Amino acid sequence: MSVYKDKKTGTWKVCYRYTDWQGKVHQSTKRGFSTKKSALEWERDFCNKNEGNLNMTFADFVEIYLVERTSFKGKYILYQRTDYKNKNITVFR
């Protein structure tokens, strides 16, 4: 993975490769970051989510869990979990 500055637009982009659940390698680009720091942060978060890396904070893990569970549950349950996260997970940040 690498971060480049787009000369045409003046914004930053991330070029990355990832392996899907079937073992196929894909290459993609995410564009439009205003700063290099935000592009690197997105890259790090993407790696943590995709590779199942355990070197992440507990709050990041809960965030990934809530996003994945939202597709299975309704908005009311999402509200309950977000409320729980705001009350209880802030201790771990």
PDB file of N, CA and C in Angstrom:
ATOM      1  N   MET A   1       0.832  -1.167   0.000  1.00  0.00           N
ATOM      2  CA  MET A   1       0.000   0.000   0.000  1.00  0.00           C
ATOM      3  C   MET A   1       0.880   1.234   0.000  1.00  0.00           C
ATOM      4  N   SER A   2       0.372   2.251  -0.667  1.00  0.00           N
ATOM      5  CA  SER A   2       1.151   3.470  -0.727  1.00  0.00           C
ATOM      6  C   SER A   2       0.233   4.675  -0.840  1.00  0.00           C
ATOM      7  N   VAL A   3       0.764   5.817  -0.437  1.00  0.00           N
ATOM      8  CA  VAL A   3       0.019   7.070  -0.456  1.00  0.00           C
ATOM      9  C   VAL A   3       0.731   8.021  -1.415  1.00  0.00           C
ATOM     10  N   TYR A   4      -0.049   8.618  -2.325  1.00  0.00           N
ATOM     11  CA  TYR A   4       0.500   9.545  -3.322  1.00  0.00           C
ATOM     12  C   TYR A   4      -0.312  10.818  -3.325  1.00  0.00           C
ATOM     13  N   LYS A   5       0.309  11.902  -3.784  1.00  0.00           N
ATOM     14  CA  LYS A   5      -0.404  13.154  -3.992  1.00  0.00           C
ATOM     15  C   LYS A   5      -0.816  13.223  -5.453  1.00  0.00           C
ATOM     16  N   ASP A   6      -2.100  13.439  -5.692  1.00  0.00           N
ATOM     17  CA  ASP A   6      -2.629  13.547  -7.042  1.00  0.00           C
ATOM     18  C   ASP A   6      -2.299  14.934  -7.580  1.00  0.00           C
ATOM     19  N   LYS A   7      -1.536  15.001  -8.649  1.00  0.00           N
ATOM     20  CA  LYS A   7      -1.073  16.288  -9.172  1.00  0.00           C
ATOM     21  C   LYS A   7      -2.198  17.093  -9.808  1.00  0.00           C
ATOM     22  N   LYS A   8      -3.188  16.416 -10.363  1.00  0.00           N
ATOM     23  CA  LYS A   8      -4.289  17.130 -11.020  1.00  0.00           C
ATOM     24  C   LYS A   8      -5.195  17.847 -10.022  1.00  0.00           C
ATOM     25  N   THR A   9      -5.563  17.164  -8.979  1.00  0.00           N
ATOM     26  CA  THR A   9      -6.522  17.720  -8.024  1.00  0.00           C
ATOM     27  C   THR A   9      -5.870  18.296  -6.773  1.00  0.00           C
ATOM     28  N   GLY A  10      -4.634  17.920  -6.491  1.00  0.00           N
ATOM     29  CA  GLY A  10      -3.960  18.406  -5.299  1.00  0.00           C
ATOM     30  C   GLY A  10      -4.365  17.679  -4.029  1.00  0.00           C
ATOM     31  N   THR A  11      -5.076  16.575  -4.171  1.00  0.00           N
ATOM     32  CA  THR A  11      -5.469  15.787  -3.004  1.00  0.00           C
ATOM     33  C   THR A  11      -4.624  14.522  -2.937  1.00  0.00           C
ATOM     34  N   TRP A  12      -4.763  13.803  -1.841  1.00  0.00           N
ATOM     35  CA  TRP A  12      -3.989  12.583  -1.620  1.00  0.00           C
ATOM     36  C   TRP A  12      -4.826  11.369  -1.987  1.00  0.00           C
ATOM     37  N   LYS A  13      -4.152  10.303  -2.418  1.00  0.00           N
ATOM     38  CA  LYS A  13      -4.830   9.054  -2.745  1.00  0.00           C
ATOM     39  C   LYS A  13      -4.054   7.874  -2.181  1.00  0.00           C
ATOM     40  N   VAL A  14      -4.778   6.794  -1.936  1.00  0.00           N
ATOM     41  CA  VAL A  14      -4.192   5.566  -1.406  1.00  0.00           C
ATOM     42  C   VAL A  14      -4.383   4.475  -2.452  1.00  0.00           C
ATOM     43  N   CYS A  15      -3.289   3.865  -2.880  1.00  0.00           N
ATOM     44  CA  CYS A  15      -3.339   2.718  -3.785  1.00  0.00           C
ATOM     45  C   CYS A  15      -3.054   1.480  -2.939  1.00  0.00           C
ATOM     46  N   TYR A  16      -3.940   0.507  -3.008  1.00  0.00           N
ATOM     47  CA  TYR A  16      -3.789  -0.652  -2.141  1.00  0.00           C
ATOM     48  C   TYR A  16      -4.240  -1.927  -2.834  1.00  0.00           C
ATOM     49  N   ARG A  17      -3.752  -3.039  -2.310  1.00  0.00           N
ATOM     50  CA  ARG A  17      -4.154  -4.371  -2.745  1.00  0.00           C
ATOM     51  C   ARG A  17      -4.660  -5.126  -1.537  1.00  0.00           C
ATOM     52  N   TYR A  18      -5.658  -5.954  -1.779  1.00  0.00           N
ATOM     53  CA  TYR A  18      -6.200  -6.751  -0.691  1.00  0.00           C
ATOM     54  C   TYR A  18      -6.650  -8.098  -1.225  1.00  0.00           C
ATOM     55  N   THR A  19      -6.733  -9.057  -0.346  1.00  0.00           N
ATOM     56  CA  THR A  19      -7.185 -10.406  -0.685  1.00  0.00           C
ATOM     57  C   THR A  19      -8.579 -10.599  -0.113  1.00  0.00           C
ATOM     58  N   ASP A  20      -9.516 -11.001  -0.961  1.00  0.00           N
ATOM     59  CA  ASP A  20     -10.875 -11.206  -0.486  1.00  0.00           C
ATOM     60  C   ASP A  20     -11.009 -12.575   0.175  1.00  0.00           C
ATOM     61  N   TRP A  21     -12.207 -12.905   0.601  1.00  0.00           N
ATOM     62  CA  TRP A  21     -12.429 -14.140   1.341  1.00  0.00           C
ATOM     63  C   TRP A  21     -12.240 -15.382   0.481  1.00  0.00           C
ATOM     64  N   GLN A  22     -12.229 -15.230  -0.845  1.00  0.00           N
ATOM     65  CA  GLN A  22     -12.005 -16.366  -1.730  1.00  0.00           C
ATOM     66  C   GLN A  22     -10.529 -16.542  -2.093  1.00  0.00           C
ATOM     67  N   GLY A  23      -9.677 -15.645  -1.628  1.00  0.00           N
ATOM     68  CA  GLY A  23      -8.256 -15.736  -1.909  1.00  0.00           C
ATOM     69  C   GLY A  23      -7.817 -14.971  -3.145  1.00  0.00           C
ATOM     70  N   LYS A  24      -8.719 -14.227  -3.765  1.00  0.00           N
ATOM     71  CA  LYS A  24      -8.372 -13.446  -4.950  1.00  0.00           C
ATOM     72  C   LYS A  24      -7.791 -12.106  -4.531  1.00  0.00           C
ATOM     73  N   VAL A  25      -6.753 -11.675  -5.255  1.00  0.00           N
ATOM     74  CA  VAL A  25      -6.105 -10.400  -4.966  1.00  0.00           C
ATOM     75  C   VAL A  25      -6.738  -9.324  -5.841  1.00  0.00           C
ATOM     76  N   HIS A  26      -7.122  -8.221  -5.209  1.00  0.00           N
ATOM     77  CA  HIS A  26      -7.720  -7.088  -5.907  1.00  0.00           C
ATOM     78  C   HIS A  26      -6.869  -5.851  -5.678  1.00  0.00           C
ATOM     79  N   GLN A  27      -6.856  -4.952  -6.654  1.00  0.00           N
ATOM     80  CA  GLN A  27      -6.150  -3.683  -6.522  1.00  0.00           C
ATOM     81  C   GLN A  27      -7.171  -2.566  -6.652  1.00  0.00           C
ATOM     82  N   SER A  28      -7.067  -1.559  -5.802  1.00  0.00           N
ATOM     83  CA  SER A  28      -8.024  -0.470  -5.820  1.00  0.00           C
ATOM     84  C   SER A  28      -7.346   0.823  -5.391  1.00  0.00           C
ATOM     85  N   THR A  29      -8.067   1.929  -5.572  1.00  0.00           N
ATOM     86  CA  THR A  29      -7.564   3.247  -5.204  1.00  0.00           C
ATOM     87  C   THR A  29      -8.664   4.015  -4.490  1.00  0.00           C
ATOM     88  N   LYS A  30      -8.307   4.681  -3.417  1.00  0.00           N
ATOM     89  CA  LYS A  30      -9.222   5.559  -2.695  1.00  0.00           C
ATOM     90  C   LYS A  30      -8.656   6.963  -2.813  1.00  0.00           C
ATOM     91  N   ARG A  31      -9.456   7.898  -3.311  1.00  0.00           N
ATOM     92  CA  ARG A  31      -8.966   9.254  -3.596  1.00  0.00           C
ATOM     93  C   ARG A  31      -9.729  10.302  -2.812  1.00  0.00           C
ATOM     94  N   GLY A  32      -9.146  11.507  -2.804  1.00  0.00           N
ATOM     95  CA  GLY A  32      -9.856  12.667  -2.268  1.00  0.00           C
ATOM     96  C   GLY A  32      -9.527  13.034  -0.845  1.00  0.00           C
ATOM     97  N   PHE A  33      -8.425  12.567  -0.303  1.00  0.00           N
ATOM     98  CA  PHE A  33      -8.041  12.940   1.063  1.00  0.00           C
ATOM     99  C   PHE A  33      -7.389  14.314   1.037  1.00  0.00           C
ATOM    100  N   SER A  34      -7.760  15.158   1.964  1.00  0.00           N
ATOM    101  CA  SER A  34      -7.212  16.516   1.979  1.00  0.00           C
ATOM    102  C   SER A  34      -5.791  16.564   2.539  1.00  0.00           C
ATOM    103  N   THR A  35      -5.459  15.632   3.432  1.00  0.00           N
ATOM    104  CA  THR A  35      -4.114  15.607   4.018  1.00  0.00           C
ATOM    105  C   THR A  35      -3.513  14.208   3.907  1.00  0.00           C
ATOM    106  N   LYS A  36      -2.210  14.167   3.981  1.00  0.00           N
ATOM    107  CA  LYS A  36      -1.512  12.883   3.944  1.00  0.00           C
ATOM    108  C   LYS A  36      -1.821  12.077   5.205  1.00  0.00           C
ATOM    109  N   LYS A  37      -1.964  12.779   6.315  1.00  0.00           N
ATOM    110  CA  LYS A  37      -2.260  12.113   7.583  1.00  0.00           C
ATOM    111  C   LYS A  37      -3.589  11.371   7.525  1.00  0.00           C
ATOM    112  N   SER A  38      -4.606  11.993   6.944  1.00  0.00           N
ATOM    113  CA  SER A  38      -5.909  11.319   6.847  1.00  0.00           C
ATOM    114  C   SER A  38      -5.850  10.130   5.895  1.00  0.00           C
ATOM    115  N   ALA A  39      -5.053  10.225   4.836  1.00  0.00           N
ATOM    116  CA  ALA A  39      -4.895   9.098   3.907  1.00  0.00           C
ATOM    117  C   ALA A  39      -4.195   7.933   4.597  1.00  0.00           C
ATOM    118  N   LEU A  40      -3.159   8.217   5.360  1.00  0.00           N
ATOM    119  CA  LEU A  40      -2.453   7.159   6.090  1.00  0.00           C
ATOM    120  C   LEU A  40      -3.342   6.530   7.161  1.00  0.00           C
ATOM    121  N   GLU A  41      -4.169   7.345   7.800  1.00  0.00           N
ATOM    122  CA  GLU A  41      -5.086   6.824   8.812  1.00  0.00           C
ATOM    123  C   GLU A  41      -6.115   5.891   8.182  1.00  0.00           C
ATOM    124  N   TRP A  42      -6.663   6.278   7.031  1.00  0.00           N
ATOM    125  CA  TRP A  42      -7.613   5.420   6.333  1.00  0.00           C
ATOM    126  C   TRP A  42      -6.949   4.115   5.923  1.00  0.00           C
ATOM    127  N   GLU A  43      -5.711   4.208   5.444  1.00  0.00           N
ATOM    128  CA  GLU A  43      -4.968   3.018   5.029  1.00  0.00           C
ATOM    129  C   GLU A  43      -4.774   2.067   6.202  1.00  0.00           C
ATOM    130  N   ARG A  44      -4.400   2.605   7.352  1.00  0.00           N
ATOM    131  CA  ARG A  44      -4.186   1.786   8.544  1.00  0.00           C
ATOM    132  C   ARG A  44      -5.494   1.128   8.990  1.00  0.00           C
ATOM    133  N   ASP A  45      -6.585   1.882   8.988  1.00  0.00           N
ATOM    134  CA  ASP A  45      -7.882   1.325   9.370  1.00  0.00           C
ATOM    135  C   ASP A  45      -8.327   0.236   8.402  1.00  0.00           C
ATOM    136  N   PHE A  46      -8.097   0.447   7.110  1.00  0.00           N
ATOM    137  CA  PHE A  46      -8.467  -0.555   6.120  1.00  0.00           C
ATOM    138  C   PHE A  46      -7.673  -1.844   6.340  1.00  0.00           C
ATOM    139  N   CYS A  47      -6.384  -1.704   6.617  1.00  0.00           N
ATOM    140  CA  CYS A  47      -5.553  -2.893   6.878  1.00  0.00           C
ATOM    141  C   CYS A  47      -6.059  -3.639   8.105  1.00  0.00           C
ATOM    142  N   ASN A  48      -6.375  -2.918   9.163  1.00  0.00           N
ATOM    143  CA  ASN A  48      -6.867  -3.560  10.385  1.00  0.00           C
ATOM    144  C   ASN A  48      -8.161  -4.305  10.139  1.00  0.00           C
ATOM    145  N   LYS A  49      -9.071  -3.709   9.371  1.00  0.00           N
ATOM    146  CA  LYS A  49     -10.349  -4.350   9.099  1.00  0.00           C
ATOM    147  C   LYS A  49     -10.184  -5.559   8.194  1.00  0.00           C
ATOM    148  N   ASN A  50      -9.399  -5.418   7.167  1.00  0.00           N
ATOM    149  CA  ASN A  50      -9.310  -6.453   6.144  1.00  0.00           C
ATOM    150  C   ASN A  50      -8.457  -7.642   6.567  1.00  0.00           C
ATOM    151  N   GLU A  51      -7.397  -7.396   7.273  1.00  0.00           N
ATOM    152  CA  GLU A  51      -6.476  -8.475   7.622  1.00  0.00           C
ATOM    153  C   GLU A  51      -6.827  -9.141   8.946  1.00  0.00           C
ATOM    154  N   GLY A  52      -7.807  -8.615   9.647  1.00  0.00           N
ATOM    155  CA  GLY A  52      -8.131  -9.189  10.949  1.00  0.00           C
ATOM    156  C   GLY A  52      -7.006  -8.975  11.936  1.00  0.00           C
ATOM    157  N   ASN A  53      -6.330  -7.857  11.801  1.00  0.00           N
ATOM    158  CA  ASN A  53      -5.184  -7.537  12.640  1.00  0.00           C
ATOM    159  C   ASN A  53      -5.652  -7.247  14.065  1.00  0.00           C
ATOM    160  N   LEU A  54      -5.000  -7.841  15.033  1.00  0.00           N
ATOM    161  CA  LEU A  54      -5.365  -7.623  16.422  1.00  0.00           C
ATOM    162  C   LEU A  54      -4.650  -6.430  17.036  1.00  0.00           C
ATOM    163  N   ASN A  55      -3.834  -5.739  16.281  1.00  0.00           N
ATOM    164  CA  ASN A  55      -3.133  -4.565  16.781  1.00  0.00           C
ATOM    165  C   ASN A  55      -3.990  -3.320  16.587  1.00  0.00           C
ATOM    166  N   MET A  56      -5.204  -3.356  17.130  1.00  0.00           N
ATOM    167  CA  MET A  56      -6.098  -2.212  17.059  1.00  0.00           C
ATOM    168  C   MET A  56      -6.657  -1.954  18.443  1.00  0.00           C
ATOM    169  N   THR A  57      -7.160  -0.759  18.630  1.00  0.00           N
ATOM    170  CA  THR A  57      -7.730  -0.429  19.933  1.00  0.00           C
ATOM    171  C   THR A  57      -9.077  -1.117  20.091  1.00  0.00           C
ATOM    172  N   PHE A  58      -9.491  -1.242  21.328  1.00  0.00           N
ATOM    173  CA  PHE A  58     -10.776  -1.873  21.599  1.00  0.00           C
ATOM    174  C   PHE A  58     -11.920  -1.060  21.011  1.00  0.00           C
ATOM    175  N   ALA A  59     -11.804   0.262  21.036  1.00  0.00           N
ATOM    176  CA  ALA A  59     -12.842   1.125  20.471  1.00  0.00           C
ATOM    177  C   ALA A  59     -12.959   0.911  18.965  1.00  0.00           C
ATOM    178  N   ASP A  60     -11.823   0.724  18.262  1.00  0.00           N
ATOM    179  CA  ASP A  60     -11.863   0.440  16.828  1.00  0.00           C
ATOM    180  C   ASP A  60     -12.525  -0.903  16.553  1.00  0.00           C
ATOM    181  N   PHE A  61     -12.243  -1.885  17.395  1.00  0.00           N
ATOM    182  CA  PHE A  61     -12.855  -3.200  17.245  1.00  0.00           C
ATOM    183  C   PHE A  61     -14.375  -3.122  17.407  1.00  0.00           C
ATOM    184  N   VAL A  62     -14.834  -2.378  18.402  1.00  0.00           N
ATOM    185  CA  VAL A  62     -16.267  -2.222  18.626  1.00  0.00           C
ATOM    186  C   VAL A  62     -16.907  -1.503  17.446  1.00  0.00           C
ATOM    187  N   GLU A  63     -16.240  -0.506  16.893  1.00  0.00           N
ATOM    188  CA  GLU A  63     -16.763   0.227  15.741  1.00  0.00           C
ATOM    189  C   GLU A  63     -16.943  -0.703  14.536  1.00  0.00           C
ATOM    190  N   ILE A  64     -15.969  -1.548  14.281  1.00  0.00           N
ATOM    191  CA  ILE A  64     -16.063  -2.509  13.177  1.00  0.00           C
ATOM    192  C   ILE A  64     -17.219  -3.475  13.431  1.00  0.00           C
ATOM    193  N   TYR A  65     -17.337  -3.926  14.658  1.00  0.00           N
ATOM    194  CA  TYR A  65     -18.416  -4.845  15.009  1.00  0.00           C
ATOM    195  C   TYR A  65     -19.786  -4.206  14.774  1.00  0.00           C
ATOM    196  N   LEU A  66     -19.943  -2.966  15.206  1.00  0.00           N
ATOM    197  CA  LEU A  66     -21.225  -2.293  15.043  1.00  0.00           C
ATOM    198  C   LEU A  66     -21.574  -2.076  13.573  1.00  0.00           C
ATOM    199  N   VAL A  67     -20.596  -1.748  12.758  1.00  0.00           N
ATOM    200  CA  VAL A  67     -20.850  -1.546  11.332  1.00  0.00           C
ATOM    201  C   VAL A  67     -21.275  -2.853  10.677  1.00  0.00           C
ATOM    202  N   GLU A  68     -20.609  -3.944  11.020  1.00  0.00           N
ATOM    203  CA  GLU A  68     -20.959  -5.230  10.429  1.00  0.00           C
ATOM    204  C   GLU A  68     -22.324  -5.717  10.899  1.00  0.00           C
ATOM    205  N   ARG A  69     -22.665  -5.482  12.129  1.00  0.00           N
ATOM    206  CA  ARG A  69     -23.945  -5.950  12.659  1.00  0.00           C
ATOM    207  C   ARG A  69     -25.117  -5.098  12.183  1.00  0.00           C
ATOM    208  N   THR A  70     -24.865  -3.888  11.714  1.00  0.00           N
ATOM    209  CA  THR A  70     -25.952  -3.018  11.268  1.00  0.00           C
ATOM    210  C   THR A  70     -26.670  -3.608  10.071  1.00  0.00           C
ATOM    211  N   SER A  71     -25.963  -4.330   9.238  1.00  0.00           N
ATOM    212  CA  SER A  71     -26.609  -4.897   8.073  1.00  0.00           C
ATOM    213  C   SER A  71     -27.578  -6.017   8.459  1.00  0.00           C
ATOM    214  N   PHE A  72     -27.418  -6.586   9.648  1.00  0.00           N
ATOM    215  CA  PHE A  72     -28.285  -7.671  10.086  1.00  0.00           C
ATOM    216  C   PHE A  72     -29.440  -7.201  10.969  1.00  0.00           C
ATOM    217  N   LYS A  73     -29.251  -6.119  11.634  1.00  0.00           N
ATOM    218  CA  LYS A  73     -30.251  -5.657  12.600  1.00  0.00           C
ATOM    219  C   LYS A  73     -30.851  -4.322  12.157  1.00  0.00           C
ATOM    220  N   GLY A  74     -31.916  -3.940  12.805  1.00  0.00           N
ATOM    221  CA  GLY A  74     -32.591  -2.688  12.481  1.00  0.00           C
ATOM    222  C   GLY A  74     -31.910  -1.480  13.096  1.00  0.00           C
ATOM    223  N   LYS A  75     -32.442  -0.318  12.777  1.00  0.00           N
ATOM    224  CA  LYS A  75     -31.857   0.923  13.267  1.00  0.00           C
ATOM    225  C   LYS A  75     -32.042   1.094  14.770  1.00  0.00           C
ATOM    226  N   TYR A  76     -33.086   0.527  15.333  1.00  0.00           N
ATOM    227  CA  TYR A  76     -33.301   0.653  16.769  1.00  0.00           C
ATOM    228  C   TYR A  76     -32.184  -0.024  17.552  1.00  0.00           C
ATOM    229  N   ILE A  77     -31.796  -1.202  17.117  1.00  0.00           N
ATOM    230  CA  ILE A  77     -30.712  -1.917  17.786  1.00  0.00           C
ATOM    231  C   ILE A  77     -29.398  -1.173  17.599  1.00  0.00           C
ATOM    232  N   LEU A  78     -29.203  -0.580  16.418  1.00  0.00           N
ATOM    233  CA  LEU A  78     -28.008   0.236  16.203  1.00  0.00           C
ATOM    234  C   LEU A  78     -27.981   1.392  17.192  1.00  0.00           C
ATOM    235  N   TYR A  79     -29.128   2.023  17.419  1.00  0.00           N
ATOM    236  CA  TYR A  79     -29.197   3.114  18.387  1.00  0.00           C
ATOM    237  C   TYR A  79     -28.823   2.629  19.778  1.00  0.00           C
ATOM    238  N   GLN A  80     -29.343   1.472  20.167  1.00  0.00           N
ATOM    239  CA  GLN A  80     -29.029   0.933  21.491  1.00  0.00           C
ATOM    240  C   GLN A  80     -27.536   0.673  21.637  1.00  0.00           C
ATOM    241  N   ARG A  81     -26.936   0.074  20.620  1.00  0.00           N
ATOM    242  CA  ARG A  81     -25.514  -0.250  20.705  1.00  0.00           C
ATOM    243  C   ARG A  81     -24.646   0.997  20.668  1.00  0.00           C
ATOM    244  N   THR A  82     -25.044   1.989  19.874  1.00  0.00           N
ATOM    245  CA  THR A  82     -24.283   3.230  19.829  1.00  0.00           C
ATOM    246  C   THR A  82     -24.362   3.931  21.170  1.00  0.00           C
ATOM    247  N   ASP A  83     -25.534   3.917  21.778  1.00  0.00           N
ATOM    248  CA  ASP A  83     -25.696   4.512  23.096  1.00  0.00           C
ATOM    249  C   ASP A  83     -24.836   3.781  24.120  1.00  0.00           C
ATOM    250  N   TYR A  84     -24.805   2.448  24.059  1.00  0.00           N
ATOM    251  CA  TYR A  84     -23.967   1.653  24.953  1.00  0.00           C
ATOM    252  C   TYR A  84     -22.494   1.984  24.745  1.00  0.00           C
ATOM    253  N   LYS A  85     -22.086   2.107  23.467  1.00  0.00           N
ATOM    254  CA  LYS A  85     -20.697   2.410  23.159  1.00  0.00           C
ATOM    255  C   LYS A  85     -20.311   3.771  23.721  1.00  0.00           C
ATOM    256  N   ASN A  86     -21.183   4.755  23.564  1.00  0.00           N
ATOM    257  CA  ASN A  86     -20.878   6.097  24.048  1.00  0.00           C
ATOM    258  C   ASN A  86     -20.771   6.141  25.564  1.00  0.00           C
ATOM    259  N   LYS A  87     -21.536   5.310  26.254  1.00  0.00           N
ATOM    260  CA  LYS A  87     -21.507   5.316  27.712  1.00  0.00           C
ATOM    261  C   LYS A  87     -20.358   4.487  28.279  1.00  0.00           C
ATOM    262  N   ASN A  88     -20.062   3.345  27.666  1.00  0.00           N
ATOM    263  CA  ASN A  88     -19.156   2.385  28.300  1.00  0.00           C
ATOM    264  C   ASN A  88     -17.787   2.243  27.636  1.00  0.00           C
ATOM    265  N   ILE A  89     -17.673   2.457  26.361  1.00  0.00           N
ATOM    266  CA  ILE A  89     -16.419   2.218  25.668  1.00  0.00           C
ATOM    267  C   ILE A  89     -15.460   3.394  25.785  1.00  0.00           C
ATOM    268  N   THR A  90     -15.949   4.563  26.142  1.00  0.00           N
ATOM    269  CA  THR A  90     -15.076   5.724  26.232  1.00  0.00           C
ATOM    270  C   THR A  90     -13.968   5.524  27.265  1.00  0.00           C
ATOM    271  N   VAL A  91     -14.153   4.605  28.176  1.00  0.00           N
ATOM    272  CA  VAL A  91     -13.129   4.307  29.184  1.00  0.00           C
ATOM    273  C   VAL A  91     -11.883   3.736  28.519  1.00  0.00           C
ATOM    274  N   PHE A  92     -12.045   2.983  27.422  1.00  0.00           N
ATOM    275  CA  PHE A  92     -10.929   2.300  26.790  1.00  0.00           C
ATOM    276  C   PHE A  92     -10.161   3.161  25.786  1.00  0.00           C
ATOM    277  N   ARG A  93     -10.581   4.358  25.525  1.00  0.00           N
ATOM    278  CA  ARG A  93      -9.905   5.198  24.526  1.00  0.00           C
ATOM    279  C   ARG A  93      -8.657   5.806  25.064  1.00  0.00           C
TER     280      ARG A  93
END
